N, C-alpha and C. Protein backbone atom coordinates (compact mmCIF):
# COMPACT_ATOMS: atom_id res chain seq x y z
N MET A 1 6.22 10.83 10.39
CA MET A 1 5.07 10.86 11.29
C MET A 1 5.24 9.83 12.38
N THR A 2 5.11 10.24 13.64
CA THR A 2 5.18 9.31 14.76
C THR A 2 4.12 9.68 15.76
N ALA A 3 3.33 8.73 16.18
CA ALA A 3 2.31 8.95 17.18
C ALA A 3 2.92 8.66 18.54
N HIS A 4 2.54 9.44 19.56
CA HIS A 4 3.05 9.24 20.91
C HIS A 4 1.89 8.96 21.85
N ARG A 5 2.14 8.01 22.76
CA ARG A 5 1.13 7.65 23.74
C ARG A 5 1.82 7.55 25.09
N ASP A 6 1.21 8.10 26.12
CA ASP A 6 1.78 8.07 27.46
C ASP A 6 0.78 7.50 28.44
N GLY A 7 1.30 7.10 29.62
CA GLY A 7 0.40 6.64 30.67
C GLY A 7 0.01 5.20 30.52
N PRO A 8 -0.95 4.72 31.35
CA PRO A 8 -1.33 3.32 31.36
C PRO A 8 -1.95 2.84 30.06
N GLY A 9 -2.43 3.74 29.20
CA GLY A 9 -3.06 3.34 27.95
C GLY A 9 -2.09 3.23 26.79
N ALA A 10 -0.78 3.43 27.08
CA ALA A 10 0.20 3.43 26.00
C ALA A 10 0.32 2.05 25.37
N CYS A 11 0.72 2.05 24.07
CA CYS A 11 0.91 0.79 23.37
C CYS A 11 2.12 0.07 23.96
N THR A 12 2.04 -1.22 24.10
CA THR A 12 3.13 -2.00 24.64
C THR A 12 4.07 -2.43 23.52
N ARG A 13 5.35 -2.61 23.87
CA ARG A 13 6.35 -2.97 22.86
C ARG A 13 6.19 -4.44 22.48
N THR A 14 6.13 -4.71 21.19
CA THR A 14 5.96 -6.05 20.68
C THR A 14 6.98 -6.31 19.58
N ARG A 15 7.60 -7.45 19.59
CA ARG A 15 8.58 -7.80 18.58
C ARG A 15 7.88 -8.09 17.26
N MET A 16 8.35 -7.44 16.18
CA MET A 16 7.73 -7.61 14.88
C MET A 16 8.05 -8.98 14.31
N GLN A 17 7.03 -9.63 13.74
CA GLN A 17 7.21 -10.90 13.07
C GLN A 17 6.83 -10.72 11.60
N THR A 18 6.80 -11.82 10.86
CA THR A 18 6.59 -11.70 9.42
C THR A 18 5.13 -11.70 9.02
N THR A 19 4.21 -12.02 9.91
CA THR A 19 2.80 -12.01 9.53
C THR A 19 2.21 -10.62 9.74
N GLN A 20 1.17 -10.32 8.99
CA GLN A 20 0.54 -9.02 9.12
C GLN A 20 -0.07 -8.85 10.51
N THR A 21 -0.62 -9.93 11.07
CA THR A 21 -1.22 -9.85 12.40
C THR A 21 -0.20 -9.38 13.42
N ASN A 22 1.00 -9.96 13.38
CA ASN A 22 2.03 -9.58 14.32
C ASN A 22 2.60 -8.19 14.02
N LEU A 23 2.64 -7.83 12.75
CA LEU A 23 3.08 -6.49 12.39
C LEU A 23 2.13 -5.45 12.96
N LEU A 24 0.83 -5.69 12.84
CA LEU A 24 -0.15 -4.74 13.36
C LEU A 24 -0.06 -4.64 14.87
N SER A 25 0.31 -5.73 15.52
CA SER A 25 0.50 -5.70 16.96
C SER A 25 1.76 -4.91 17.32
N ALA A 26 2.84 -5.15 16.57
CA ALA A 26 4.11 -4.50 16.87
C ALA A 26 4.08 -3.00 16.60
N VAL A 27 3.35 -2.59 15.56
CA VAL A 27 3.36 -1.18 15.17
C VAL A 27 2.62 -0.31 16.18
N ARG A 28 1.90 -0.92 17.10
CA ARG A 28 1.23 -0.15 18.15
C ARG A 28 2.23 0.56 19.06
N ASP A 29 3.42 0.03 19.12
CA ASP A 29 4.46 0.68 19.91
C ASP A 29 5.14 1.74 19.06
N SER A 30 4.92 3.00 19.37
CA SER A 30 5.46 4.09 18.56
C SER A 30 6.97 4.17 18.62
N GLN A 31 7.61 3.43 19.55
CA GLN A 31 9.07 3.41 19.62
C GLN A 31 9.68 2.27 18.80
N ASN A 32 8.84 1.39 18.30
CA ASN A 32 9.33 0.26 17.51
C ASN A 32 9.50 0.73 16.06
N ARG A 33 10.68 1.26 15.77
CA ARG A 33 10.90 1.86 14.45
C ARG A 33 10.97 0.81 13.35
N GLU A 34 11.45 -0.38 13.68
CA GLU A 34 11.51 -1.44 12.68
C GLU A 34 10.10 -1.79 12.19
N ALA A 35 9.19 -1.96 13.14
CA ALA A 35 7.82 -2.30 12.79
C ALA A 35 7.17 -1.16 12.01
N TRP A 36 7.38 0.08 12.47
CA TRP A 36 6.77 1.22 11.79
C TRP A 36 7.33 1.36 10.38
N GLY A 37 8.64 1.14 10.21
CA GLY A 37 9.22 1.22 8.88
C GLY A 37 8.64 0.19 7.94
N HIS A 38 8.44 -1.03 8.45
CA HIS A 38 7.83 -2.10 7.66
C HIS A 38 6.40 -1.72 7.30
N PHE A 39 5.64 -1.24 8.25
CA PHE A 39 4.25 -0.83 8.04
C PHE A 39 4.18 0.30 7.01
N TYR A 40 5.05 1.30 7.16
CA TYR A 40 5.03 2.46 6.28
C TYR A 40 5.39 2.07 4.84
N ARG A 41 6.38 1.19 4.67
CA ARG A 41 6.79 0.78 3.33
C ARG A 41 5.66 0.11 2.57
N ILE A 42 4.82 -0.61 3.28
CA ILE A 42 3.71 -1.30 2.63
C ILE A 42 2.56 -0.36 2.33
N TYR A 43 2.12 0.38 3.35
CA TYR A 43 0.85 1.11 3.23
C TYR A 43 0.96 2.53 2.68
N ALA A 44 2.07 3.21 2.87
CA ALA A 44 2.17 4.59 2.37
C ALA A 44 2.10 4.65 0.84
N PRO A 45 2.91 3.88 0.10
CA PRO A 45 2.78 3.93 -1.36
C PRO A 45 1.41 3.48 -1.84
N MET A 46 0.85 2.51 -1.14
CA MET A 46 -0.48 2.00 -1.49
C MET A 46 -1.52 3.11 -1.37
N LEU A 47 -1.46 3.87 -0.29
CA LEU A 47 -2.42 4.96 -0.07
C LEU A 47 -2.22 6.08 -1.09
N ARG A 48 -0.98 6.41 -1.37
CA ARG A 48 -0.70 7.46 -2.35
C ARG A 48 -1.23 7.06 -3.73
N ASN A 49 -0.95 5.84 -4.15
CA ASN A 49 -1.39 5.40 -5.48
C ASN A 49 -2.91 5.31 -5.56
N PHE A 50 -3.53 4.87 -4.47
CA PHE A 50 -5.00 4.81 -4.42
C PHE A 50 -5.58 6.21 -4.58
N GLY A 51 -5.08 7.16 -3.81
CA GLY A 51 -5.58 8.53 -3.90
C GLY A 51 -5.35 9.12 -5.27
N ARG A 52 -4.18 8.85 -5.84
CA ARG A 52 -3.86 9.38 -7.17
C ARG A 52 -4.83 8.83 -8.22
N ARG A 53 -5.14 7.55 -8.13
CA ARG A 53 -6.03 6.94 -9.11
C ARG A 53 -7.48 7.41 -8.95
N LEU A 54 -7.82 7.93 -7.77
CA LEU A 54 -9.16 8.51 -7.58
C LEU A 54 -9.21 9.96 -8.03
N GLY A 55 -8.06 10.53 -8.35
CA GLY A 55 -8.04 11.90 -8.84
C GLY A 55 -7.59 12.93 -7.84
N VAL A 56 -7.05 12.50 -6.69
CA VAL A 56 -6.54 13.45 -5.70
C VAL A 56 -5.33 14.16 -6.27
N ASN A 57 -5.29 15.48 -6.10
CA ASN A 57 -4.20 16.29 -6.61
C ASN A 57 -2.88 15.89 -5.96
N GLU A 58 -1.79 15.95 -6.73
CA GLU A 58 -0.48 15.55 -6.22
C GLU A 58 -0.10 16.33 -4.97
N THR A 59 -0.49 17.60 -4.90
CA THR A 59 -0.14 18.42 -3.74
C THR A 59 -0.89 18.00 -2.48
N ASP A 60 -1.97 17.24 -2.64
CA ASP A 60 -2.75 16.79 -1.48
C ASP A 60 -2.44 15.36 -1.07
N LEU A 61 -1.66 14.64 -1.88
CA LEU A 61 -1.45 13.21 -1.61
C LEU A 61 -0.67 12.96 -0.32
N ASP A 62 0.34 13.80 -0.05
CA ASP A 62 1.11 13.61 1.18
C ASP A 62 0.24 13.77 2.41
N ASP A 63 -0.57 14.82 2.42
CA ASP A 63 -1.45 15.06 3.57
C ASP A 63 -2.45 13.91 3.73
N LEU A 64 -3.00 13.46 2.62
CA LEU A 64 -3.96 12.35 2.67
C LEU A 64 -3.30 11.10 3.25
N THR A 65 -2.11 10.77 2.75
CA THR A 65 -1.41 9.57 3.20
C THR A 65 -1.08 9.65 4.69
N GLN A 66 -0.53 10.78 5.11
CA GLN A 66 -0.14 10.94 6.51
C GLN A 66 -1.36 10.89 7.44
N GLU A 67 -2.45 11.50 7.00
CA GLU A 67 -3.65 11.52 7.84
C GLU A 67 -4.23 10.12 8.01
N VAL A 68 -4.32 9.37 6.93
CA VAL A 68 -4.86 8.01 7.03
C VAL A 68 -3.97 7.13 7.88
N LEU A 69 -2.64 7.24 7.71
CA LEU A 69 -1.72 6.44 8.52
C LEU A 69 -1.81 6.82 10.00
N MET A 70 -1.98 8.09 10.29
CA MET A 70 -2.11 8.52 11.68
C MET A 70 -3.39 7.95 12.30
N ILE A 71 -4.49 8.01 11.54
CA ILE A 71 -5.75 7.45 12.03
C ILE A 71 -5.60 5.95 12.27
N ALA A 72 -4.94 5.26 11.33
CA ALA A 72 -4.75 3.81 11.46
C ALA A 72 -3.92 3.48 12.69
N HIS A 73 -2.84 4.22 12.90
CA HIS A 73 -1.96 3.96 14.04
C HIS A 73 -2.69 4.21 15.36
N ARG A 74 -3.40 5.31 15.41
CA ARG A 74 -4.15 5.64 16.64
C ARG A 74 -5.24 4.59 16.90
N SER A 75 -5.88 4.15 15.84
CA SER A 75 -6.95 3.15 15.99
C SER A 75 -6.40 1.80 16.45
N LEU A 76 -5.21 1.44 15.96
CA LEU A 76 -4.58 0.20 16.40
C LEU A 76 -4.21 0.29 17.88
N CYS A 77 -3.69 1.42 18.28
CA CYS A 77 -3.32 1.61 19.69
C CYS A 77 -4.54 1.56 20.60
N ASP A 78 -5.65 2.09 20.13
CA ASP A 78 -6.87 2.15 20.94
C ASP A 78 -7.79 0.96 20.74
N ASP A 79 -7.32 -0.05 19.99
CA ASP A 79 -8.10 -1.27 19.73
C ASP A 79 -9.43 -0.97 19.04
N VAL A 80 -9.43 0.07 18.19
CA VAL A 80 -10.64 0.38 17.43
C VAL A 80 -10.86 -0.66 16.34
N TYR A 81 -9.77 -1.05 15.69
CA TYR A 81 -9.88 -2.07 14.65
C TYR A 81 -10.13 -3.43 15.29
N ASP A 82 -11.17 -4.13 14.83
CA ASP A 82 -11.53 -5.45 15.35
C ASP A 82 -11.30 -6.48 14.25
N PRO A 83 -10.25 -7.32 14.39
CA PRO A 83 -9.96 -8.33 13.36
C PRO A 83 -11.11 -9.28 13.10
N ALA A 84 -11.98 -9.46 14.10
CA ALA A 84 -13.11 -10.38 13.93
C ALA A 84 -14.11 -9.88 12.89
N LYS A 85 -14.05 -8.59 12.57
CA LYS A 85 -15.01 -8.01 11.63
C LYS A 85 -14.48 -7.93 10.20
N GLY A 86 -13.25 -8.37 9.98
CA GLY A 86 -12.72 -8.35 8.63
C GLY A 86 -11.24 -8.05 8.60
N ARG A 87 -10.65 -8.19 7.42
CA ARG A 87 -9.22 -7.95 7.25
C ARG A 87 -8.88 -6.47 7.42
N PHE A 88 -7.67 -6.23 7.89
CA PHE A 88 -7.21 -4.88 8.16
C PHE A 88 -7.24 -4.03 6.90
N ARG A 89 -6.83 -4.61 5.76
CA ARG A 89 -6.75 -3.80 4.54
C ARG A 89 -8.13 -3.29 4.11
N MET A 90 -9.20 -4.05 4.37
CA MET A 90 -10.52 -3.59 4.00
C MET A 90 -11.03 -2.55 4.99
N TRP A 91 -10.65 -2.71 6.25
CA TRP A 91 -10.97 -1.66 7.24
C TRP A 91 -10.27 -0.36 6.86
N LEU A 92 -8.99 -0.48 6.45
CA LEU A 92 -8.24 0.71 6.04
C LEU A 92 -8.81 1.31 4.77
N PHE A 93 -9.36 0.47 3.90
CA PHE A 93 -9.99 0.97 2.68
C PHE A 93 -11.11 1.95 3.00
N GLY A 94 -11.92 1.62 4.01
CA GLY A 94 -13.01 2.51 4.39
C GLY A 94 -12.51 3.87 4.80
N ILE A 95 -11.42 3.91 5.56
CA ILE A 95 -10.85 5.19 5.99
C ILE A 95 -10.26 5.95 4.80
N ALA A 96 -9.51 5.23 3.98
CA ALA A 96 -8.87 5.87 2.83
C ALA A 96 -9.90 6.43 1.86
N ARG A 97 -10.95 5.69 1.61
CA ARG A 97 -11.99 6.14 0.70
C ARG A 97 -12.66 7.40 1.24
N ARG A 98 -13.00 7.39 2.52
CA ARG A 98 -13.67 8.55 3.11
C ARG A 98 -12.78 9.79 3.07
N LYS A 99 -11.51 9.63 3.41
CA LYS A 99 -10.61 10.77 3.43
C LYS A 99 -10.31 11.26 2.01
N ALA A 100 -10.24 10.37 1.06
CA ALA A 100 -10.02 10.78 -0.33
C ALA A 100 -11.20 11.59 -0.84
N LEU A 101 -12.40 11.15 -0.52
CA LEU A 101 -13.59 11.90 -0.94
C LEU A 101 -13.64 13.27 -0.28
N GLU A 102 -13.25 13.34 1.00
CA GLU A 102 -13.22 14.63 1.68
C GLU A 102 -12.22 15.57 1.01
N THR A 103 -11.06 15.02 0.62
CA THR A 103 -10.05 15.83 -0.05
C THR A 103 -10.55 16.32 -1.40
N LEU A 104 -11.22 15.45 -2.14
CA LEU A 104 -11.75 15.84 -3.45
C LEU A 104 -12.85 16.89 -3.31
N ARG A 105 -13.68 16.74 -2.30
CA ARG A 105 -14.74 17.74 -2.07
C ARG A 105 -14.13 19.10 -1.74
N ALA A 106 -13.11 19.08 -0.86
CA ALA A 106 -12.46 20.33 -0.48
C ALA A 106 -11.81 20.99 -1.70
N ARG A 107 -11.16 20.20 -2.52
CA ARG A 107 -10.55 20.72 -3.73
C ARG A 107 -11.61 21.27 -4.67
N GLY A 108 -12.75 20.58 -4.76
CA GLY A 108 -13.84 21.04 -5.61
C GLY A 108 -14.41 22.37 -5.13
N ARG A 109 -14.52 22.52 -3.81
CA ARG A 109 -15.03 23.79 -3.26
C ARG A 109 -14.06 24.92 -3.56
N ARG A 110 -12.75 24.65 -3.39
CA ARG A 110 -11.77 25.70 -3.66
C ARG A 110 -11.78 26.08 -5.13
N THR A 111 -11.94 25.09 -6.00
CA THR A 111 -11.97 25.36 -7.44
C THR A 111 -13.17 26.22 -7.80
N ARG A 112 -14.34 25.92 -7.19
CA ARG A 112 -15.54 26.69 -7.50
C ARG A 112 -15.41 28.13 -7.04
N VAL A 113 -14.72 28.33 -5.90
CA VAL A 113 -14.52 29.69 -5.40
C VAL A 113 -13.56 30.45 -6.30
N GLN A 114 -12.52 29.76 -6.74
CA GLN A 114 -11.51 30.41 -7.57
C GLN A 114 -12.00 30.63 -9.00
N GLN A 115 -12.96 29.82 -9.47
CA GLN A 115 -13.44 29.92 -10.84
C GLN A 115 -14.97 30.05 -10.87
N PRO A 116 -15.48 31.19 -10.38
CA PRO A 116 -16.93 31.37 -10.32
C PRO A 116 -17.59 31.45 -11.67
N ALA A 117 -16.80 31.64 -12.72
CA ALA A 117 -17.40 31.81 -14.04
C ALA A 117 -17.77 30.48 -14.70
N CYS A 118 -17.40 29.35 -14.07
CA CYS A 118 -17.71 28.06 -14.67
C CYS A 118 -19.21 27.90 -14.81
N THR A 119 -19.66 27.45 -15.93
CA THR A 119 -21.09 27.31 -16.18
C THR A 119 -21.51 25.86 -16.05
N GLU A 120 -22.73 25.66 -15.66
CA GLU A 120 -23.27 24.32 -15.49
C GLU A 120 -23.26 23.58 -16.83
N GLY A 121 -22.87 22.31 -16.79
CA GLY A 121 -22.86 21.50 -17.99
C GLY A 121 -21.51 21.39 -18.64
N ASN A 122 -20.55 22.25 -18.20
CA ASN A 122 -19.21 22.16 -18.78
C ASN A 122 -18.40 21.09 -18.05
N GLY A 123 -17.79 20.17 -18.78
CA GLY A 123 -16.95 19.15 -18.16
C GLY A 123 -17.77 18.05 -17.53
N VAL A 124 -17.10 17.23 -16.71
CA VAL A 124 -17.71 16.08 -16.06
C VAL A 124 -17.68 16.30 -14.56
N ASP A 125 -18.79 15.99 -13.90
CA ASP A 125 -18.86 16.13 -12.45
C ASP A 125 -18.19 14.92 -11.81
N LEU A 126 -16.88 15.04 -11.55
CA LEU A 126 -16.11 13.92 -11.00
C LEU A 126 -16.64 13.51 -9.63
N LEU A 127 -16.94 14.49 -8.80
CA LEU A 127 -17.42 14.17 -7.45
C LEU A 127 -18.72 13.38 -7.50
N ALA A 128 -19.61 13.75 -8.40
CA ALA A 128 -20.88 13.04 -8.51
C ALA A 128 -20.64 11.58 -8.91
N GLN A 129 -19.66 11.38 -9.79
CA GLN A 129 -19.35 10.02 -10.20
C GLN A 129 -18.77 9.22 -9.05
N ILE A 130 -17.84 9.82 -8.31
CA ILE A 130 -17.19 9.12 -7.21
C ILE A 130 -18.18 8.78 -6.10
N GLU A 131 -19.15 9.66 -5.85
CA GLU A 131 -20.11 9.45 -4.78
C GLU A 131 -21.24 8.52 -5.21
N ASP A 132 -21.29 8.19 -6.49
CA ASP A 132 -22.27 7.24 -6.97
C ASP A 132 -21.98 5.87 -6.35
N PRO A 133 -22.96 5.25 -5.67
CA PRO A 133 -22.71 3.95 -5.03
C PRO A 133 -22.20 2.89 -5.99
N ARG A 134 -22.50 3.02 -7.28
CA ARG A 134 -22.05 2.03 -8.24
C ARG A 134 -20.53 2.02 -8.39
N THR A 135 -19.86 3.10 -7.96
CA THR A 135 -18.41 3.14 -8.09
C THR A 135 -17.73 2.49 -6.90
N GLN A 136 -18.46 2.09 -5.90
CA GLN A 136 -17.88 1.43 -4.74
C GLN A 136 -17.08 0.19 -5.17
N GLU A 137 -17.65 -0.59 -6.06
CA GLU A 137 -16.97 -1.79 -6.52
C GLU A 137 -15.68 -1.45 -7.26
N THR A 138 -15.72 -0.38 -8.08
CA THR A 138 -14.54 0.05 -8.81
C THR A 138 -13.44 0.47 -7.85
N MET A 139 -13.81 1.20 -6.82
CA MET A 139 -12.83 1.64 -5.82
C MET A 139 -12.20 0.45 -5.12
N GLN A 140 -13.02 -0.54 -4.80
CA GLN A 140 -12.48 -1.73 -4.14
C GLN A 140 -11.52 -2.47 -5.06
N GLN A 141 -11.82 -2.50 -6.35
CA GLN A 141 -10.93 -3.15 -7.30
C GLN A 141 -9.59 -2.43 -7.37
N ILE A 142 -9.64 -1.10 -7.39
CA ILE A 142 -8.40 -0.31 -7.39
C ILE A 142 -7.61 -0.58 -6.12
N TRP A 143 -8.30 -0.61 -4.99
CA TRP A 143 -7.65 -0.85 -3.71
C TRP A 143 -6.99 -2.23 -3.67
N GLN A 144 -7.67 -3.25 -4.18
CA GLN A 144 -7.12 -4.60 -4.19
C GLN A 144 -5.91 -4.68 -5.12
N GLN A 145 -5.95 -3.97 -6.24
CA GLN A 145 -4.80 -3.94 -7.14
C GLN A 145 -3.60 -3.32 -6.45
N GLU A 146 -3.81 -2.20 -5.79
CA GLU A 146 -2.71 -1.53 -5.11
C GLU A 146 -2.18 -2.37 -3.96
N TRP A 147 -3.05 -3.14 -3.32
CA TRP A 147 -2.60 -4.04 -2.26
C TRP A 147 -1.67 -5.11 -2.83
N ARG A 148 -2.03 -5.67 -3.97
CA ARG A 148 -1.18 -6.70 -4.58
C ARG A 148 0.17 -6.12 -4.99
N TYR A 149 0.16 -4.88 -5.53
CA TYR A 149 1.41 -4.24 -5.90
C TYR A 149 2.27 -4.00 -4.66
N ALA A 150 1.66 -3.54 -3.59
CA ALA A 150 2.39 -3.25 -2.36
C ALA A 150 2.99 -4.52 -1.78
N LEU A 151 2.22 -5.61 -1.81
CA LEU A 151 2.72 -6.89 -1.30
C LEU A 151 3.90 -7.38 -2.14
N LEU A 152 3.79 -7.25 -3.46
CA LEU A 152 4.88 -7.70 -4.33
C LEU A 152 6.15 -6.91 -4.05
N ASP A 153 6.03 -5.59 -3.92
CA ASP A 153 7.20 -4.76 -3.64
C ASP A 153 7.85 -5.17 -2.32
N GLU A 154 7.04 -5.37 -1.28
CA GLU A 154 7.60 -5.74 0.02
C GLU A 154 8.17 -7.15 -0.01
N ALA A 155 7.50 -8.05 -0.71
CA ALA A 155 8.00 -9.42 -0.82
C ALA A 155 9.37 -9.44 -1.50
N LEU A 156 9.54 -8.65 -2.55
CA LEU A 156 10.83 -8.58 -3.24
C LEU A 156 11.92 -8.07 -2.31
N ARG A 157 11.59 -7.09 -1.48
CA ARG A 157 12.59 -6.59 -0.53
C ARG A 157 12.95 -7.66 0.49
N GLN A 158 11.94 -8.40 0.94
CA GLN A 158 12.15 -9.37 2.01
C GLN A 158 12.91 -10.62 1.55
N ILE A 159 12.68 -11.05 0.31
CA ILE A 159 13.27 -12.32 -0.13
C ILE A 159 14.56 -12.13 -0.91
N ARG A 160 15.00 -10.89 -1.08
CA ARG A 160 16.17 -10.61 -1.91
C ARG A 160 17.41 -11.38 -1.44
N THR A 161 17.70 -11.32 -0.13
CA THR A 161 18.88 -12.03 0.38
C THR A 161 18.65 -13.53 0.43
N GLU A 162 17.39 -13.93 0.55
CA GLU A 162 17.08 -15.36 0.62
C GLU A 162 17.37 -16.07 -0.69
N VAL A 163 17.03 -15.45 -1.81
CA VAL A 163 17.18 -16.11 -3.11
C VAL A 163 18.55 -15.88 -3.74
N GLY A 164 19.25 -14.87 -3.29
CA GLY A 164 20.54 -14.56 -3.89
C GLY A 164 20.43 -13.42 -4.89
N GLU A 165 21.48 -12.61 -5.01
CA GLU A 165 21.43 -11.40 -5.82
C GLU A 165 21.25 -11.70 -7.31
N LYS A 166 21.92 -12.73 -7.82
CA LYS A 166 21.82 -13.02 -9.26
C LYS A 166 20.41 -13.49 -9.61
N GLU A 167 19.84 -14.35 -8.76
CA GLU A 167 18.47 -14.80 -8.97
C GLU A 167 17.50 -13.63 -8.92
N TYR A 168 17.72 -12.75 -7.95
CA TYR A 168 16.86 -11.57 -7.80
C TYR A 168 16.94 -10.67 -9.04
N GLN A 169 18.16 -10.38 -9.50
CA GLN A 169 18.34 -9.51 -10.65
C GLN A 169 17.73 -10.13 -11.91
N ALA A 170 17.88 -11.44 -12.07
CA ALA A 170 17.29 -12.11 -13.23
C ALA A 170 15.78 -11.97 -13.22
N PHE A 171 15.18 -12.13 -12.05
CA PHE A 171 13.72 -12.02 -11.94
C PHE A 171 13.25 -10.60 -12.25
N VAL A 172 13.88 -9.62 -11.63
CA VAL A 172 13.46 -8.23 -11.82
C VAL A 172 13.59 -7.81 -13.28
N ARG A 173 14.70 -8.14 -13.89
CA ARG A 173 14.93 -7.72 -15.27
C ARG A 173 14.00 -8.43 -16.25
N TYR A 174 13.79 -9.71 -16.01
CA TYR A 174 12.97 -10.47 -16.96
C TYR A 174 11.48 -10.36 -16.67
N ALA A 175 11.07 -10.58 -15.41
CA ALA A 175 9.65 -10.64 -15.08
C ALA A 175 9.03 -9.29 -14.77
N VAL A 176 9.82 -8.37 -14.22
CA VAL A 176 9.28 -7.06 -13.84
C VAL A 176 9.53 -6.02 -14.94
N GLU A 177 10.80 -5.93 -15.38
CA GLU A 177 11.15 -4.92 -16.38
C GLU A 177 10.89 -5.40 -17.81
N ARG A 178 10.59 -6.69 -17.98
CA ARG A 178 10.25 -7.27 -19.28
C ARG A 178 11.38 -7.19 -20.29
N GLN A 179 12.60 -7.31 -19.83
CA GLN A 179 13.72 -7.35 -20.74
C GLN A 179 13.78 -8.72 -21.43
N PRO A 180 14.26 -8.80 -22.67
CA PRO A 180 14.37 -10.08 -23.36
C PRO A 180 15.26 -11.04 -22.58
N VAL A 181 14.90 -12.31 -22.61
CA VAL A 181 15.62 -13.30 -21.82
C VAL A 181 17.09 -13.38 -22.26
N ALA A 182 17.35 -13.25 -23.57
CA ALA A 182 18.73 -13.32 -24.06
C ALA A 182 19.57 -12.18 -23.49
N LYS A 183 18.98 -10.98 -23.41
CA LYS A 183 19.70 -9.83 -22.88
C LYS A 183 20.00 -10.02 -21.41
N VAL A 184 19.02 -10.50 -20.66
CA VAL A 184 19.21 -10.74 -19.23
C VAL A 184 20.32 -11.76 -19.01
N ALA A 185 20.27 -12.84 -19.77
CA ALA A 185 21.27 -13.90 -19.63
C ALA A 185 22.67 -13.38 -19.92
N GLU A 186 22.79 -12.59 -20.99
CA GLU A 186 24.10 -12.07 -21.37
C GLU A 186 24.65 -11.12 -20.32
N GLU A 187 23.81 -10.21 -19.82
CA GLU A 187 24.27 -9.21 -18.85
C GLU A 187 24.64 -9.84 -17.52
N LEU A 188 23.97 -10.92 -17.15
CA LEU A 188 24.25 -11.56 -15.86
C LEU A 188 25.24 -12.72 -15.98
N GLY A 189 25.62 -13.05 -17.19
CA GLY A 189 26.57 -14.12 -17.39
C GLY A 189 26.02 -15.49 -17.07
N ILE A 190 24.76 -15.72 -17.43
CA ILE A 190 24.11 -17.01 -17.19
C ILE A 190 23.45 -17.48 -18.48
N THR A 191 22.95 -18.69 -18.49
CA THR A 191 22.26 -19.21 -19.67
C THR A 191 20.80 -18.75 -19.66
N SER A 192 20.18 -18.82 -20.83
CA SER A 192 18.77 -18.45 -20.93
C SER A 192 17.89 -19.36 -20.07
N SER A 193 18.24 -20.65 -20.04
CA SER A 193 17.45 -21.57 -19.22
C SER A 193 17.55 -21.22 -17.74
N SER A 194 18.69 -20.68 -17.32
CA SER A 194 18.86 -20.28 -15.92
C SER A 194 17.93 -19.12 -15.57
N VAL A 195 17.68 -18.24 -16.54
CA VAL A 195 16.77 -17.12 -16.29
C VAL A 195 15.39 -17.66 -15.91
N TYR A 196 14.92 -18.65 -16.65
CA TYR A 196 13.61 -19.24 -16.35
C TYR A 196 13.61 -19.95 -15.00
N VAL A 197 14.70 -20.63 -14.70
CA VAL A 197 14.80 -21.33 -13.41
C VAL A 197 14.80 -20.32 -12.27
N TYR A 198 15.56 -19.25 -12.41
CA TYR A 198 15.63 -18.23 -11.36
C TYR A 198 14.28 -17.54 -11.17
N LYS A 199 13.61 -17.30 -12.30
CA LYS A 199 12.28 -16.70 -12.20
C LYS A 199 11.36 -17.58 -11.38
N SER A 200 11.37 -18.87 -11.64
CA SER A 200 10.52 -19.81 -10.91
C SER A 200 10.86 -19.84 -9.43
N ARG A 201 12.15 -19.81 -9.11
CA ARG A 201 12.57 -19.83 -7.71
C ARG A 201 12.09 -18.58 -6.97
N VAL A 202 12.26 -17.43 -7.61
CA VAL A 202 11.86 -16.18 -6.96
C VAL A 202 10.34 -16.11 -6.80
N LEU A 203 9.60 -16.53 -7.82
CA LEU A 203 8.14 -16.54 -7.72
C LEU A 203 7.68 -17.43 -6.57
N THR A 204 8.33 -18.58 -6.41
CA THR A 204 7.97 -19.47 -5.30
C THR A 204 8.25 -18.81 -3.96
N ALA A 205 9.40 -18.14 -3.86
CA ALA A 205 9.76 -17.45 -2.62
C ALA A 205 8.77 -16.32 -2.31
N ILE A 206 8.38 -15.59 -3.35
CA ILE A 206 7.40 -14.51 -3.17
C ILE A 206 6.07 -15.06 -2.69
N GLN A 207 5.61 -16.12 -3.34
CA GLN A 207 4.33 -16.72 -2.95
C GLN A 207 4.35 -17.18 -1.50
N LYS A 208 5.44 -17.81 -1.08
CA LYS A 208 5.54 -18.28 0.29
C LYS A 208 5.54 -17.11 1.27
N TRP A 209 6.26 -16.04 0.92
CA TRP A 209 6.30 -14.87 1.81
C TRP A 209 4.91 -14.24 1.94
N VAL A 210 4.22 -14.07 0.82
CA VAL A 210 2.88 -13.47 0.84
C VAL A 210 1.91 -14.32 1.64
N GLU A 211 1.94 -15.64 1.44
CA GLU A 211 1.05 -16.52 2.19
C GLU A 211 1.33 -16.43 3.68
N ARG A 212 2.61 -16.39 4.03
CA ARG A 212 2.98 -16.30 5.45
C ARG A 212 2.54 -14.95 6.03
N PHE A 213 2.74 -13.88 5.25
CA PHE A 213 2.39 -12.54 5.73
C PHE A 213 0.89 -12.40 5.96
N GLU A 214 0.10 -13.01 5.09
CA GLU A 214 -1.35 -12.86 5.18
C GLU A 214 -2.01 -13.87 6.10
N GLU A 215 -1.25 -14.70 6.77
CA GLU A 215 -1.82 -15.64 7.71
C GLU A 215 -2.62 -14.91 8.76
N GLU A 216 -3.78 -15.45 9.10
CA GLU A 216 -4.60 -14.85 10.16
C GLU A 216 -4.05 -15.27 11.51
């Protein structure tokens, strides 16, 4: 997906930096593929997982993700998003939630048309639950969880060369994949104490990257 803008209102080219603020500025240029790739790697999986956890059908997840990203890109180009009113991820949450509900409603309508014999009282009214204002907090919790996962994934990609391949592999196998420390040490040809040291180094690098990325 690529948005195109022409004329005096077109997005200007901006060099991508490591903070989210600069990324959002850079991604306004539809020709800046580096910025768009960085943006897509973070937000596309996040949107897909969010929609999936709300119950969006797998066949609808691609359309949902692409539509939300297109709206976000267009809104950034048109200065619709105002940083003074809150963080970008919470602004995007509002769009994602609305589009997910629209997708679920459409799916519900198609299901009712295809299965007119369904009787009232059978099963659970998922749409009624999702539209209940009390679930707003639950949705935000899901969104925040997916944001943390997305940040961790991107941080690991970004700091991999910084920490070194052996340190990276020790961290992934021990801290992410939960392999026993003795197994990790043996496979990488290091001591068990080194596994703990490498884990600490990588965690520090991740924390620094996340803090830098989220700078206002």
